[in-house]
PDB file of N, CA and C in Angstrom:
ATOM      1  N   MET A   1     205.604 189.005 -68.098  1.00  0.00           N
ATOM      2  CA  MET A   1     206.312 189.922 -67.109  1.00  0.00           C
ATOM      3  C   MET A   1     205.311 190.204 -65.982  1.00  0.00           C
ATOM      4  N   GLU A   2     204.164 190.535 -66.280  1.00  0.00           N
ATOM      5  CA  GLU A   2     203.096 190.840 -65.289  1.00  0.00           C
ATOM      6  C   GLU A   2     203.000 189.656 -64.368  1.00  0.00           C
ATOM      7  N   ALA A   3     202.860 188.448 -64.862  1.00  0.00           N
ATOM      8  CA  ALA A   3     202.734 187.234 -64.052  1.00  0.00           C
ATOM      9  C   ALA A   3     203.861 186.988 -63.125  1.00  0.00           C
ATOM     10  N   MET A   4     205.073 187.362 -63.656  1.00  0.00           N
ATOM     11  CA  MET A   4     206.252 187.143 -62.848  1.00  0.00           C
ATOM     12  C   MET A   4     206.345 188.242 -61.733  1.00  0.00           C
ATOM     13  N   LEU A   5     205.817 189.338 -61.909  1.00  0.00           N
ATOM     14  CA  LEU A   5     205.973 190.462 -60.963  1.00  0.00           C
ATOM     15  C   LEU A   5     204.791 190.471 -60.005  1.00  0.00           C
ATOM     16  N   ARG A   6     203.646 189.902 -60.376  1.00  0.00           N
ATOM     17  CA  ARG A   6     202.471 189.967 -59.503  1.00  0.00           C
ATOM     18  C   ARG A   6     202.689 189.449 -58.051  1.00  0.00           C
ATOM     19  N   PRO A   7     203.481 188.405 -57.876  1.00  0.00           N
ATOM     20  CA  PRO A   7     203.674 187.933 -56.471  1.00  0.00           C
ATOM     21  C   PRO A   7     204.438 188.967 -55.571  1.00  0.00           C
ATOM     22  N   HIS A   8     205.119 189.875 -56.279  1.00  0.00           N
ATOM     23  CA  HIS A   8     205.892 190.868 -55.693  1.00  0.00           C
ATOM     24  C   HIS A   8     205.171 192.176 -55.530  1.00  0.00           C
ATOM     25  N   ASP A   9     203.862 192.220 -55.887  1.00  0.00           N
ATOM     26  CA  ASP A   9     203.056 193.411 -55.918  1.00  0.00           C
ATOM     27  C   ASP A   9     203.637 194.552 -56.743  1.00  0.00           C
ATOM     28  N   LEU A  10     204.189 194.232 -57.963  1.00  0.00           N
ATOM     29  CA  LEU A  10     204.685 195.201 -58.789  1.00  0.00           C
ATOM     30  C   LEU A  10     204.157 195.084 -60.182  1.00  0.00           C
ATOM     31  N   GLY A  11     203.876 196.272 -60.892  1.00  0.00           N
ATOM     32  CA  GLY A  11     203.529 196.244 -62.235  1.00  0.00           C
ATOM     33  C   GLY A  11     204.774 196.477 -63.093  1.00  0.00           C
ATOM     34  N   ALA A  12     204.616 196.388 -64.363  1.00  0.00           N
ATOM     35  CA  ALA A  12     205.744 196.477 -65.317  1.00  0.00           C
ATOM     36  C   ALA A  12     206.483 197.811 -65.266  1.00  0.00           C
ATOM     37  N   THR A  13     205.649 198.892 -65.227  1.00  0.00           N
ATOM     38  CA  THR A  13     206.310 200.210 -65.190  1.00  0.00           C
ATOM     39  C   THR A  13     206.915 200.467 -63.872  1.00  0.00           C
ATOM     40  N   GLN A  14     206.367 199.944 -62.837  1.00  0.00           N
ATOM     41  CA  GLN A  14     206.992 200.060 -61.466  1.00  0.00           C
ATOM     42  C   GLN A  14     208.344 199.346 -61.589  1.00  0.00           C
ATOM     43  N   TRP A  15     208.376 198.193 -62.163  1.00  0.00           N
ATOM     44  CA  TRP A  15     209.642 197.512 -62.266  1.00  0.00           C
ATOM     45  C   TRP A  15     210.686 198.202 -63.146  1.00  0.00           C
ATOM     46  N   TYR A  16     210.119 198.907 -64.190  1.00  0.00           N
ATOM     47  CA  TYR A  16     211.094 199.712 -64.974  1.00  0.00           C
ATOM     48  C   TYR A  16     211.633 200.873 -64.169  1.00  0.00           C
ATOM     49  N   VAL A  17     210.913 201.528 -63.341  1.00  0.00           N
ATOM     50  CA  VAL A  17     211.535 202.637 -62.476  1.00  0.00           C
ATOM     51  C   VAL A  17     212.541 201.955 -61.627  1.00  0.00           C
ATOM     52  N   LEU A  18     212.186 200.901 -60.959  1.00  0.00           N
ATOM     53  CA  LEU A  18     213.224 200.250 -60.074  1.00  0.00           C
ATOM     54  C   LEU A  18     214.497 199.829 -60.897  1.00  0.00           C
ATOM     55  N   TYR A  19     214.256 199.299 -62.034  1.00  0.00           N
ATOM     56  CA  TYR A  19     215.341 198.877 -62.962  1.00  0.00           C
ATOM     57  C   TYR A  19     216.344 200.080 -63.141  1.00  0.00           C
ATOM     58  N   HIS A  20     215.741 201.228 -63.559  1.00  0.00           N
ATOM     59  CA  HIS A  20     216.634 202.328 -63.899  1.00  0.00           C
ATOM     60  C   HIS A  20     217.338 202.820 -62.601  1.00  0.00           C
ATOM     61  N   LEU A  21     216.708 202.828 -61.479  1.00  0.00           N
ATOM     62  CA  LEU A  21     217.383 203.189 -60.194  1.00  0.00           C
ATOM     63  C   LEU A  21     218.406 202.218 -59.771  1.00  0.00           C
ATOM     64  N   ALA A  22     218.158 200.974 -59.954  1.00  0.00           N
ATOM     65  CA  ALA A  22     219.133 199.920 -59.545  1.00  0.00           C
ATOM     66  C   ALA A  22     220.344 200.024 -60.509  1.00  0.00           C
ATOM     67  N   LYS A  23     220.107 200.234 -61.809  1.00  0.00           N
ATOM     68  CA  LYS A  23     221.210 200.276 -62.770  1.00  0.00           C
ATOM     69  C   LYS A  23     221.968 201.565 -62.645  1.00  0.00           C
ATOM     70  N   ASP A  24     221.319 202.655 -62.538  1.00  0.00           N
ATOM     71  CA  ASP A  24     221.956 203.987 -62.596  1.00  0.00           C
ATOM     72  C   ASP A  24     222.142 204.770 -61.301  1.00  0.00           C
ATOM     73  N   GLY A  25     221.483 204.303 -60.209  1.00  0.00           N
ATOM     74  CA  GLY A  25     221.402 205.043 -59.035  1.00  0.00           C
ATOM     75  C   GLY A  25     220.318 206.065 -59.076  1.00  0.00           C
ATOM     76  N   PRO A  26     220.331 207.046 -58.102  1.00  0.00           N
ATOM     77  CA  PRO A  26     219.259 208.042 -58.098  1.00  0.00           C
ATOM     78  C   PRO A  26     219.291 208.828 -59.369  1.00  0.00           C
ATOM     79  N   LYS A  27     217.985 209.174 -59.772  1.00  0.00           N
ATOM     80  CA  LYS A  27     217.825 209.917 -61.024  1.00  0.00           C
ATOM     81  C   LYS A  27     216.832 211.039 -60.774  1.00  0.00           C
ATOM     82  N   MET A  28     216.995 212.110 -61.627  1.00  0.00           N
ATOM     83  CA  MET A  28     215.974 213.164 -61.585  1.00  0.00           C
ATOM     84  C   MET A  28     214.744 212.632 -62.030  1.00  0.00           C
ATOM     85  N   GLN A  29     213.596 212.997 -61.540  1.00  0.00           N
ATOM     86  CA  GLN A  29     212.297 212.423 -62.068  1.00  0.00           C
ATOM     87  C   GLN A  29     212.126 212.817 -63.495  1.00  0.00           C
ATOM     88  N   ARG A  30     212.531 214.035 -63.921  1.00  0.00           N
ATOM     89  CA  ARG A  30     212.278 214.382 -65.398  1.00  0.00           C
ATOM     90  C   ARG A  30     213.208 213.451 -66.243  1.00  0.00           C
ATOM     91  N   ASP A  31     214.356 212.915 -65.734  1.00  0.00           N
ATOM     92  CA  ASP A  31     215.120 211.971 -66.527  1.00  0.00           C
ATOM     93  C   ASP A  31     214.421 210.610 -66.733  1.00  0.00           C
ATOM     94  N   LEU A  32     213.771 210.257 -65.670  1.00  0.00           N
ATOM     95  CA  LEU A  32     212.921 209.035 -65.726  1.00  0.00           C
ATOM     96  C   LEU A  32     211.833 209.112 -66.737  1.00  0.00           C
ATOM     97  N   VAL A  33     211.200 210.204 -66.867  1.00  0.00           N
ATOM     98  CA  VAL A  33     210.131 210.520 -67.841  1.00  0.00           C
ATOM     99  C   VAL A  33     210.700 210.214 -69.183  1.00  0.00           C
ATOM    100  N   ARG A  34     211.910 210.816 -69.528  1.00  0.00           N
ATOM    101  CA  ARG A  34     212.500 210.597 -70.786  1.00  0.00           C
ATOM    102  C   ARG A  34     212.915 209.136 -71.041  1.00  0.00           C
ATOM    103  N   ALA A  35     213.530 208.541 -70.001  1.00  0.00           N
ATOM    104  CA  ALA A  35     214.060 207.136 -70.148  1.00  0.00           C
ATOM    105  C   ALA A  35     212.956 206.175 -70.348  1.00  0.00           C
ATOM    106  N   LEU A  36     211.797 206.376 -69.639  1.00  0.00           N
ATOM    107  CA  LEU A  36     210.669 205.452 -69.859  1.00  0.00           C
ATOM    108  C   LEU A  36     209.585 205.861 -70.931  1.00  0.00           C
ATOM    109  N   GLN A  37     209.887 207.059 -71.460  1.00  0.00           N
ATOM    110  CA  GLN A  37     209.045 207.640 -72.540  1.00  0.00           C
ATOM    111  C   GLN A  37     207.531 207.532 -72.102  1.00  0.00           C
ATOM    112  N   ILE A  38     207.177 208.129 -70.975  1.00  0.00           N
ATOM    113  CA  ILE A  38     205.861 208.145 -70.471  1.00  0.00           C
ATOM    114  C   ILE A  38     205.496 209.610 -70.040  1.00  0.00           C
ATOM    115  N   GLU A  39     204.279 209.872 -69.912  1.00  0.00           N
ATOM    116  CA  GLU A  39     203.849 211.189 -69.481  1.00  0.00           C
ATOM    117  C   GLU A  39     204.351 211.506 -68.049  1.00  0.00           C
ATOM    118  N   ARG A  40     204.650 212.766 -67.855  1.00  0.00           N
ATOM    119  CA  ARG A  40     205.055 213.237 -66.507  1.00  0.00           C
ATOM    120  C   ARG A  40     204.039 212.870 -65.362  1.00  0.00           C
ATOM    121  N   ALA A  41     202.751 213.086 -65.668  1.00  0.00           N
ATOM    122  CA  ALA A  41     201.762 212.692 -64.783  1.00  0.00           C
ATOM    123  C   ALA A  41     201.633 211.222 -64.410  1.00  0.00           C
ATOM    124  N   THR A  42     201.854 210.459 -65.451  1.00  0.00           N
ATOM    125  CA  THR A  42     201.857 208.956 -65.282  1.00  0.00           C
ATOM    126  C   THR A  42     202.999 208.641 -64.352  1.00  0.00           C
ATOM    127  N   LEU A  43     204.260 209.118 -64.641  1.00  0.00           N
ATOM    128  CA  LEU A  43     205.401 208.792 -63.804  1.00  0.00           C
ATOM    129  C   LEU A  43     205.150 209.269 -62.358  1.00  0.00           C
ATOM    130  N   SER A  44     204.549 210.478 -62.181  1.00  0.00           N
ATOM    131  CA  SER A  44     204.244 210.951 -60.838  1.00  0.00           C
ATOM    132  C   SER A  44     203.337 209.947 -60.049  1.00  0.00           C
ATOM    133  N   ALA A  45     202.392 209.480 -60.690  1.00  0.00           N
ATOM    134  CA  ALA A  45     201.396 208.443 -60.120  1.00  0.00           C
ATOM    135  C   ALA A  45     202.181 207.226 -59.654  1.00  0.00           C
ATOM    136  N   ILE A  46     203.040 206.755 -60.623  1.00  0.00           N
ATOM    137  CA  ILE A  46     203.876 205.488 -60.308  1.00  0.00           C
ATOM    138  C   ILE A  46     204.737 205.736 -59.180  1.00  0.00           C
ATOM    139  N   VAL A  47     205.490 206.817 -59.183  1.00  0.00           N
ATOM    140  CA  VAL A  47     206.455 207.123 -58.185  1.00  0.00           C
ATOM    141  C   VAL A  47     205.758 207.241 -56.783  1.00  0.00           C
ATOM    142  N   GLY A  48     204.515 207.921 -56.826  1.00  0.00           N
ATOM    143  CA  GLY A  48     203.715 207.951 -55.603  1.00  0.00           C
ATOM    144  C   GLY A  48     203.376 206.553 -54.988  1.00  0.00           C
ATOM    145  N   VAL A  49     202.993 205.640 -55.934  1.00  0.00           N
ATOM    146  CA  VAL A  49     202.772 204.315 -55.387  1.00  0.00           C
ATOM    147  C   VAL A  49     203.960 203.650 -54.850  1.00  0.00           C
ATOM    148  N   LEU A  50     205.178 203.854 -55.496  1.00  0.00           N
ATOM    149  CA  LEU A  50     206.343 203.263 -55.006  1.00  0.00           C
ATOM    150  C   LEU A  50     206.866 203.922 -53.732  1.00  0.00           C
ATOM    151  N   VAL A  51     206.536 205.184 -53.567  1.00  0.00           N
ATOM    152  CA  VAL A  51     206.798 205.853 -52.318  1.00  0.00           C
ATOM    153  C   VAL A  51     205.991 205.227 -51.162  1.00  0.00           C
ATOM    154  N   ARG A  52     204.717 205.117 -51.429  1.00  0.00           N
ATOM    155  CA  ARG A  52     203.762 204.540 -50.376  1.00  0.00           C
ATOM    156  C   ARG A  52     204.170 203.211 -49.971  1.00  0.00           C
ATOM    157  N   LYS A  53     204.703 202.374 -50.970  1.00  0.00           N
ATOM    158  CA  LYS A  53     205.148 201.002 -50.691  1.00  0.00           C
ATOM    159  C   LYS A  53     206.469 201.029 -49.981  1.00  0.00           C
ATOM    160  N   GLY A  54     207.116 202.230 -49.904  1.00  0.00           N
ATOM    161  CA  GLY A  54     208.449 202.349 -49.242  1.00  0.00           C
ATOM    162  C   GLY A  54     209.616 201.842 -50.040  1.00  0.00           C
ATOM    163  N   LEU A  55     209.441 201.777 -51.339  1.00  0.00           N
ATOM    164  CA  LEU A  55     210.468 201.300 -52.259  1.00  0.00           C
ATOM    165  C   LEU A  55     211.401 202.391 -52.756  1.00  0.00           C
ATOM    166  N   VAL A  56     210.850 203.568 -52.908  1.00  0.00           N
ATOM    167  CA  VAL A  56     211.665 204.721 -53.396  1.00  0.00           C
ATOM    168  C   VAL A  56     211.307 205.895 -52.532  1.00  0.00           C
ATOM    169  N   GLU A  57     212.156 206.863 -52.632  1.00  0.00           N
ATOM    170  CA  GLU A  57     211.864 208.095 -52.011  1.00  0.00           C
ATOM    171  C   GLU A  57     212.136 209.344 -52.917  1.00  0.00           C
ATOM    172  N   GLN A  58     211.459 210.402 -52.741  1.00  0.00           N
ATOM    173  CA  GLN A  58     211.662 211.603 -53.511  1.00  0.00           C
ATOM    174  C   GLN A  58     212.347 212.603 -52.579  1.00  0.00           C
ATOM    175  N   VAL A  59     213.396 213.150 -53.088  1.00  0.00           N
ATOM    176  CA  VAL A  59     214.102 214.223 -52.325  1.00  0.00           C
ATOM    177  C   VAL A  59     214.327 215.358 -53.322  1.00  0.00           C
ATOM    178  N   SER A  60     214.316 216.563 -52.695  1.00  0.00           N
ATOM    179  CA  SER A  60     214.491 217.774 -53.509  1.00  0.00           C
ATOM    180  C   SER A  60     216.001 217.782 -53.968  1.00  0.00           C
ATOM    181  N   ASP A  61     216.182 218.231 -55.173  1.00  0.00           N
ATOM    182  CA  ASP A  61     217.560 218.284 -55.699  1.00  0.00           C
ATOM    183  C   ASP A  61     218.271 219.378 -55.015  1.00  0.00           C
ATOM    184  N   HIS A  62     219.528 219.186 -54.665  1.00  0.00           N
ATOM    185  CA  HIS A  62     220.268 220.193 -53.968  1.00  0.00           C
ATOM    186  C   HIS A  62     220.539 221.434 -54.802  1.00  0.00           C
ATOM    187  N   ALA A  63     220.608 221.302 -56.108  1.00  0.00           N
ATOM    188  CA  ALA A  63     220.972 222.344 -57.000  1.00  0.00           C
ATOM    189  C   ALA A  63     219.662 223.125 -57.342  1.00  0.00           C
ATOM    190  N   ASP A  64     218.540 222.379 -57.449  1.00  0.00           N
ATOM    191  CA  ASP A  64     217.264 223.121 -57.799  1.00  0.00           C
ATOM    192  C   ASP A  64     216.162 222.450 -57.005  1.00  0.00           C
ATOM    193  N   GLN A  65     215.763 223.100 -55.929  1.00  0.00           N
ATOM    194  CA  GLN A  65     214.802 222.643 -54.930  1.00  0.00           C
ATOM    195  C   GLN A  65     213.445 222.233 -55.575  1.00  0.00           C
ATOM    196  N   ARG A  66     213.159 222.771 -56.749  1.00  0.00           N
ATOM    197  CA  ARG A  66     211.880 222.499 -57.436  1.00  0.00           C
ATOM    198  C   ARG A  66     211.899 221.144 -58.030  1.00  0.00           C
ATOM    199  N   GLN A  67     213.139 220.626 -58.390  1.00  0.00           N
ATOM    200  CA  GLN A  67     213.237 219.389 -59.059  1.00  0.00           C
ATOM    201  C   GLN A  67     213.356 218.198 -58.034  1.00  0.00           C
ATOM    202  N   LYS A  68     212.722 217.137 -58.392  1.00  0.00           N
ATOM    203  CA  LYS A  68     212.767 215.905 -57.470  1.00  0.00           C
ATOM    204  C   LYS A  68     213.708 214.806 -57.991  1.00  0.00           C
ATOM    205  N   ARG A  69     214.489 214.375 -57.131  1.00  0.00           N
ATOM    206  CA  ARG A  69     215.366 213.265 -57.325  1.00  0.00           C
ATOM    207  C   ARG A  69     214.819 211.974 -56.704  1.00  0.00           C
ATOM    208  N   ILE A  70     214.782 210.933 -57.505  1.00  0.00           N
ATOM    209  CA  ILE A  70     214.174 209.649 -57.025  1.00  0.00           C
ATOM    210  C   ILE A  70     215.378 208.750 -56.648  1.00  0.00           C
ATOM    211  N   ARG A  71     215.241 208.091 -55.547  1.00  0.00           N
ATOM    212  CA  ARG A  71     216.283 207.066 -55.192  1.00  0.00           C
ATOM    213  C   ARG A  71     215.568 205.864 -54.510  1.00  0.00           C
ATOM    214  N   MET A  72     216.190 204.748 -54.687  1.00  0.00           N
ATOM    215  CA  MET A  72     215.708 203.504 -54.059  1.00  0.00           C
ATOM    216  C   MET A  72     215.987 203.528 -52.568  1.00  0.00           C
ATOM    217  N   THR A  73     215.069 203.094 -51.792  1.00  0.00           N
ATOM    218  CA  THR A  73     215.158 202.886 -50.426  1.00  0.00           C
ATOM    219  C   THR A  73     215.936 201.522 -50.070  1.00  0.00           C
ATOM    220  N   ALA A  74     216.216 201.295 -48.917  1.00  0.00           N
ATOM    221  CA  ALA A  74     216.882 199.981 -48.508  1.00  0.00           C
ATOM    222  C   ALA A  74     215.837 198.907 -48.855  1.00  0.00           C
ATOM    223  N   ALA A  75     214.456 199.165 -48.476  1.00  0.00           N
ATOM    224  CA  ALA A  75     213.473 198.181 -48.797  1.00  0.00           C
ATOM    225  C   ALA A  75     213.425 197.962 -50.293  1.00  0.00           C
ATOM    226  N   GLY A  76     213.497 198.949 -51.089  1.00  0.00           N
ATOM    227  CA  GLY A  76     213.466 198.837 -52.564  1.00  0.00           C
ATOM    228  C   GLY A  76     214.630 197.962 -53.036  1.00  0.00           C
ATOM    229  N   ALA A  77     215.816 198.202 -52.456  1.00  0.00           N
ATOM    230  CA  ALA A  77     217.024 197.416 -52.837  1.00  0.00           C
ATOM    231  C   ALA A  77     216.901 196.022 -52.489  1.00  0.00           C
ATOM    232  N   LYS A  78     216.300 195.728 -51.314  1.00  0.00           N
ATOM    233  CA  LYS A  78     216.100 194.345 -50.836  1.00  0.00           C
ATOM    234  C   LYS A  78     215.122 193.690 -51.860  1.00  0.00           C
ATOM    235  N   LEU A  79     213.903 194.318 -52.132  1.00  0.00           N
ATOM    236  CA  LEU A  79     213.031 193.740 -53.022  1.00  0.00           C
ATOM    237  C   LEU A  79     213.705 193.493 -54.402  1.00  0.00           C
ATOM    238  N   TRP A  80     214.377 194.485 -54.845  1.00  0.00           N
ATOM    239  CA  TRP A  80     214.991 194.358 -56.209  1.00  0.00           C
ATOM    240  C   TRP A  80     215.930 193.056 -56.273  1.00  0.00           C
ATOM    241  N   SER A  81     216.703 192.844 -55.137  1.00  0.00           N
ATOM    242  CA  SER A  81     217.558 191.655 -55.117  1.00  0.00           C
ATOM    243  C   SER A  81     216.746 190.295 -55.054  1.00  0.00           C
ATOM    244  N   GLU A  82     215.436 190.454 -54.733  1.00  0.00           N
ATOM    245  CA  GLU A  82     214.621 189.166 -54.601  1.00  0.00           C
ATOM    246  C   GLU A  82     213.811 188.926 -55.879  1.00  0.00           C
ATOM    247  N   LEU A  83     213.780 189.903 -56.794  1.00  0.00           N
ATOM    248  CA  LEU A  83     212.935 189.842 -57.896  1.00  0.00           C
ATOM    249  C   LEU A  83     213.556 188.765 -58.864  1.00  0.00           C
ATOM    250  N   PRO A  84     212.632 188.035 -59.710  1.00  0.00           N
ATOM    251  CA  PRO A  84     213.112 187.050 -60.537  1.00  0.00           C
ATOM    252  C   PRO A  84     213.799 187.730 -61.762  1.00  0.00           C
ATOM    253  N   ASP A  85     214.663 186.999 -62.438  1.00  0.00           N
ATOM    254  CA  ASP A  85     215.404 187.448 -63.561  1.00  0.00           C
ATOM    255  C   ASP A  85     214.402 187.503 -64.789  1.00  0.00           C
ATOM    256  N   LEU A  86     214.189 188.669 -65.264  1.00  0.00           N
ATOM    257  CA  LEU A  86     213.225 188.780 -66.280  1.00  0.00           C
ATOM    258  C   LEU A  86     213.896 188.685 -67.695  1.00  0.00           C
ATOM    259  N   SER A  87     215.129 188.321 -67.732  1.00  0.00           N
ATOM    260  CA  SER A  87     215.834 188.198 -69.058  1.00  0.00           C
ATOM    261  C   SER A  87     215.211 186.967 -69.788  1.00  0.00           C
ATOM    262  N   VAL A  88     214.675 186.105 -69.006  1.00  0.00           N
ATOM    263  CA  VAL A  88     214.095 184.873 -69.673  1.00  0.00           C
ATOM    264  C   VAL A  88     212.896 185.384 -70.706  1.00  0.00           C
ATOM    265  N   ILE A  89     212.346 186.466 -70.406  1.00  0.00           N
ATOM    266  CA  ILE A  89     211.264 186.982 -71.331  1.00  0.00           C
ATOM    267  C   ILE A  89     211.927 187.367 -72.694  1.00  0.00           C
ATOM    268  N   HIS A  90     213.063 188.031 -72.608  1.00  0.00           N
ATOM    269  CA  HIS A  90     213.768 188.347 -73.828  1.00  0.00           C
ATOM    270  C   HIS A  90     214.191 187.186 -74.640  1.00  0.00           C
ATOM    271  N   GLY A  91     214.607 186.124 -73.866  1.00  0.00           N
ATOM    272  CA  GLY A  91     214.962 184.852 -74.581  1.00  0.00           C
ATOM    273  C   GLY A  91     213.785 184.235 -75.281  1.00  0.00           C
ATOM    274  N   ILE A  92     212.683 184.182 -74.555  1.00  0.00           N
ATOM    275  CA  ILE A  92     211.434 183.528 -75.196  1.00  0.00           C
ATOM    276  C   ILE A  92     211.007 184.363 -76.439  1.00  0.00           C
ATOM    277  N   ALA A  93     211.032 185.649 -76.276  1.00  0.00           N
ATOM    278  CA  ALA A  93     210.535 186.478 -77.347  1.00  0.00           C
ATOM    279  C   ALA A  93     211.411 186.566 -78.586  1.00  0.00           C
ATOM    280  N   PHE A  94     212.711 186.549 -78.364  1.00  0.00           N
ATOM    281  CA  PHE A  94     213.613 186.805 -79.492  1.00  0.00           C
ATOM    282  C   PHE A  94     214.532 185.632 -79.797  1.00  0.00           C
ATOM    283  N   ASP A  95     214.271 184.437 -79.199  1.00  0.00           N
ATOM    284  CA  ASP A  95     215.169 183.341 -79.472  1.00  0.00           C
ATOM    285  C   ASP A  95     215.084 182.931 -80.942  1.00  0.00           C
ATOM    286  N   GLY A  96     216.233 182.803 -81.615  1.00  0.00           N
ATOM    287  CA  GLY A  96     216.238 182.395 -83.000  1.00  0.00           C
ATOM    288  C   GLY A  96     216.017 183.431 -84.055  1.00  0.00           C
ATOM    289  N   ILE A  97     215.860 184.715 -83.543  1.00  0.00           N
ATOM    290  CA  ILE A  97     215.690 185.813 -84.487  1.00  0.00           C
ATOM    291  C   ILE A  97     217.072 186.500 -84.593  1.00  0.00           C
ATOM    292  N   ASP A  98     217.439 186.706 -85.845  1.00  0.00           N
ATOM    293  CA  ASP A  98     218.821 187.245 -86.200  1.00  0.00           C
ATOM    294  C   ASP A  98     218.881 188.585 -85.587  1.00  0.00           C
ATOM    295  N   ASP A  99     220.065 188.949 -84.990  1.00  0.00           N
ATOM    296  CA  ASP A  99     220.395 190.194 -84.351  1.00  0.00           C
ATOM    297  C   ASP A  99     220.148 191.417 -85.234  1.00  0.00           C
ATOM    298  N   ALA A 100     220.498 191.256 -86.536  1.00  0.00           N
ATOM    299  CA  ALA A 100     220.231 192.260 -87.552  1.00  0.00           C
ATOM    300  C   ALA A 100     218.763 192.612 -87.708  1.00  0.00           C
ATOM    301  N   ALA A 101     218.006 191.600 -87.731  1.00  0.00           N
ATOM    302  CA  ALA A 101     216.551 191.757 -87.835  1.00  0.00           C
ATOM    303  C   ALA A 101     215.982 192.524 -86.535  1.00  0.00           C
ATOM    304  N   ILE A 102     216.491 192.110 -85.436  1.00  0.00           N
ATOM    305  CA  ILE A 102     215.990 192.837 -84.184  1.00  0.00           C
ATOM    306  C   ILE A 102     216.500 194.288 -84.225  1.00  0.00           C
ATOM    307  N   SER A 103     217.703 194.629 -84.604  1.00  0.00           N
ATOM    308  CA  SER A 103     218.237 195.962 -84.777  1.00  0.00           C
ATOM    309  C   SER A 103     217.438 196.741 -85.759  1.00  0.00           C
ATOM    310  N   THR A 104     216.989 196.171 -86.834  1.00  0.00           N
ATOM    311  CA  THR A 104     216.143 196.839 -87.828  1.00  0.00           C
ATOM    312  C   THR A 104     214.839 197.207 -87.263  1.00  0.00           C
ATOM    313  N   ALA A 105     214.210 196.222 -86.607  1.00  0.00           N
ATOM    314  CA  ALA A 105     212.885 196.432 -85.964  1.00  0.00           C
ATOM    315  C   ALA A 105     212.931 197.595 -84.937  1.00  0.00           C
ATOM    316  N   ILE A 106     213.986 197.608 -84.131  1.00  0.00           N
ATOM    317  CA  ILE A 106     214.206 198.646 -83.122  1.00  0.00           C
ATOM    318  C   ILE A 106     214.285 200.002 -83.870  1.00  0.00           C
ATOM    319  N   GLU A 107     215.089 200.035 -84.872  1.00  0.00           N
ATOM    320  CA  GLU A 107     215.312 201.356 -85.630  1.00  0.00           C
ATOM    321  C   GLU A 107     214.045 201.859 -86.188  1.00  0.00           C
ATOM    322  N   VAL A 108     213.229 200.924 -86.887  1.00  0.00           N
ATOM    323  CA  VAL A 108     212.021 201.293 -87.417  1.00  0.00           C
ATOM    324  C   VAL A 108     211.028 201.858 -86.365  1.00  0.00           C
ATOM    325  N   LEU A 109     210.904 201.150 -85.237  1.00  0.00           N
ATOM    326  CA  LEU A 109     209.929 201.575 -84.202  1.00  0.00           C
ATOM    327  C   LEU A 109     210.383 202.854 -83.502  1.00  0.00           C
ATOM    328  N   GLN A 110     211.716 203.142 -83.283  1.00  0.00           N
ATOM    329  CA  GLN A 110     212.218 204.330 -82.813  1.00  0.00           C
ATOM    330  C   GLN A 110     211.870 205.474 -83.738  1.00  0.00           C
ATOM    331  N   THR A 111     212.146 205.352 -85.051  1.00  0.00           N
ATOM    332  CA  THR A 111     211.858 206.342 -86.042  1.00  0.00           C
ATOM    333  C   THR A 111     210.348 206.720 -86.062  1.00  0.00           C
ATOM    334  N   ALA A 112     209.481 205.678 -86.043  1.00  0.00           N
ATOM    335  CA  ALA A 112     207.978 205.854 -86.007  1.00  0.00           C
ATOM    336  C   ALA A 112     207.633 206.675 -84.755  1.00  0.00           C
ATOM    337  N   THR A 113     208.190 206.270 -83.629  1.00  0.00           N
ATOM    338  CA  THR A 113     207.803 206.930 -82.380  1.00  0.00           C
ATOM    339  C   THR A 113     208.275 208.404 -82.425  1.00  0.00           C
ATOM    340  N   GLU A 114     209.480 208.661 -82.862  1.00  0.00           N
ATOM    341  CA  GLU A 114     209.921 210.065 -82.979  1.00  0.00           C
ATOM    342  C   GLU A 114     209.114 210.855 -83.847  1.00  0.00           C
ATOM    343  N   ARG A 115     208.648 210.315 -84.994  1.00  0.00           N
ATOM    344  CA  ARG A 115     207.785 211.101 -85.954  1.00  0.00           C
ATOM    345  C   ARG A 115     206.407 211.400 -85.290  1.00  0.00           C
ATOM    346  N   LEU A 116     205.886 210.424 -84.637  1.00  0.00           N
ATOM    347  CA  LEU A 116     204.604 210.638 -83.967  1.00  0.00           C
ATOM    348  C   LEU A 116     204.731 211.670 -82.809  1.00  0.00           C
ATOM    349  N   GLU A 117     205.808 211.527 -82.070  1.00  0.00           N
ATOM    350  CA  GLU A 117     206.028 212.546 -81.003  1.00  0.00           C
ATOM    351  C   GLU A 117     206.159 213.909 -81.540  1.00  0.00           C
ATOM    352  N   ALA A 118     206.942 214.130 -82.647  1.00  0.00           N
ATOM    353  CA  ALA A 118     207.102 215.409 -83.303  1.00  0.00           C
ATOM    354  C   ALA A 118     205.794 216.003 -83.719  1.00  0.00           C
ATOM    355  N   ILE A 119     204.932 215.183 -84.343  1.00  0.00           N
ATOM    356  CA  ILE A 119     203.598 215.696 -84.755  1.00  0.00           C
ATOM    357  C   ILE A 119     202.815 216.085 -83.590  1.00  0.00           C
ATOM    358  N   THR A 120     202.869 215.338 -82.539  1.00  0.00           N
ATOM    359  CA  THR A 120     202.074 215.618 -81.316  1.00  0.00           C
ATOM    360  C   THR A 120     202.586 216.963 -80.762  1.00  0.00           C
ATOM    361  N   GLU A 121     203.910 217.148 -80.718  1.00  0.00           N
ATOM    362  CA  GLU A 121     204.432 218.436 -80.103  1.00  0.00           C
ATOM    363  C   GLU A 121     204.065 219.631 -80.962  1.00  0.00           C
ATOM    364  N   ARG A 122     204.124 219.498 -82.342  1.00  0.00           N
ATOM    365  CA  ARG A 122     203.715 220.565 -83.192  1.00  0.00           C
ATOM    366  C   ARG A 122     202.343 220.942 -83.084  1.00  0.00           C
ATOM    367  N   ASN A 123     201.468 219.964 -82.883  1.00  0.00           N
ATOM    368  CA  ASN A 123     199.997 220.137 -82.771  1.00  0.00           C
ATOM    369  C   ASN A 123     199.586 220.575 -81.324  1.00  0.00           C
ATOM    370  N   GLY A 124     200.616 220.594 -80.432  1.00  0.00           N
ATOM    371  CA  GLY A 124     200.313 221.047 -79.075  1.00  0.00           C
ATOM    372  C   GLY A 124     199.448 220.153 -78.236  1.00  0.00           C
ATOM    373  N   THR A 125     199.513 218.876 -78.546  1.00  0.00           N
ATOM    374  CA  THR A 125     198.741 217.916 -77.753  1.00  0.00           C
ATOM    375  C   THR A 125     199.642 216.959 -76.973  1.00  0.00           C
TER     376      THR A 125
END
């Protein structure tokens, strides 16, 4: 993924932000934190880079001026349309693996992640 995005000066997490904006339209920054399952500070830094590149913009939410809504700019939409199809990665990684096995792996990883996050929240870290 990194090798396919490098010529476009994008990292994987930057691509994921653009992916969500291209797929769902403008999103609240807090919703992107949840969707990407990354720390708020990490997303702020990534969004800052994308803003400096002119690919996204942050606007205050009309309902709550303290909240930021992220939306793709025209330059971001143009770049998105030029990016390679990364579905080939999925094909390479999962070709020949039974769908039921993939579903089980996803379920196990989600459960493990939820348990670890719950312990982290309880411990205040």
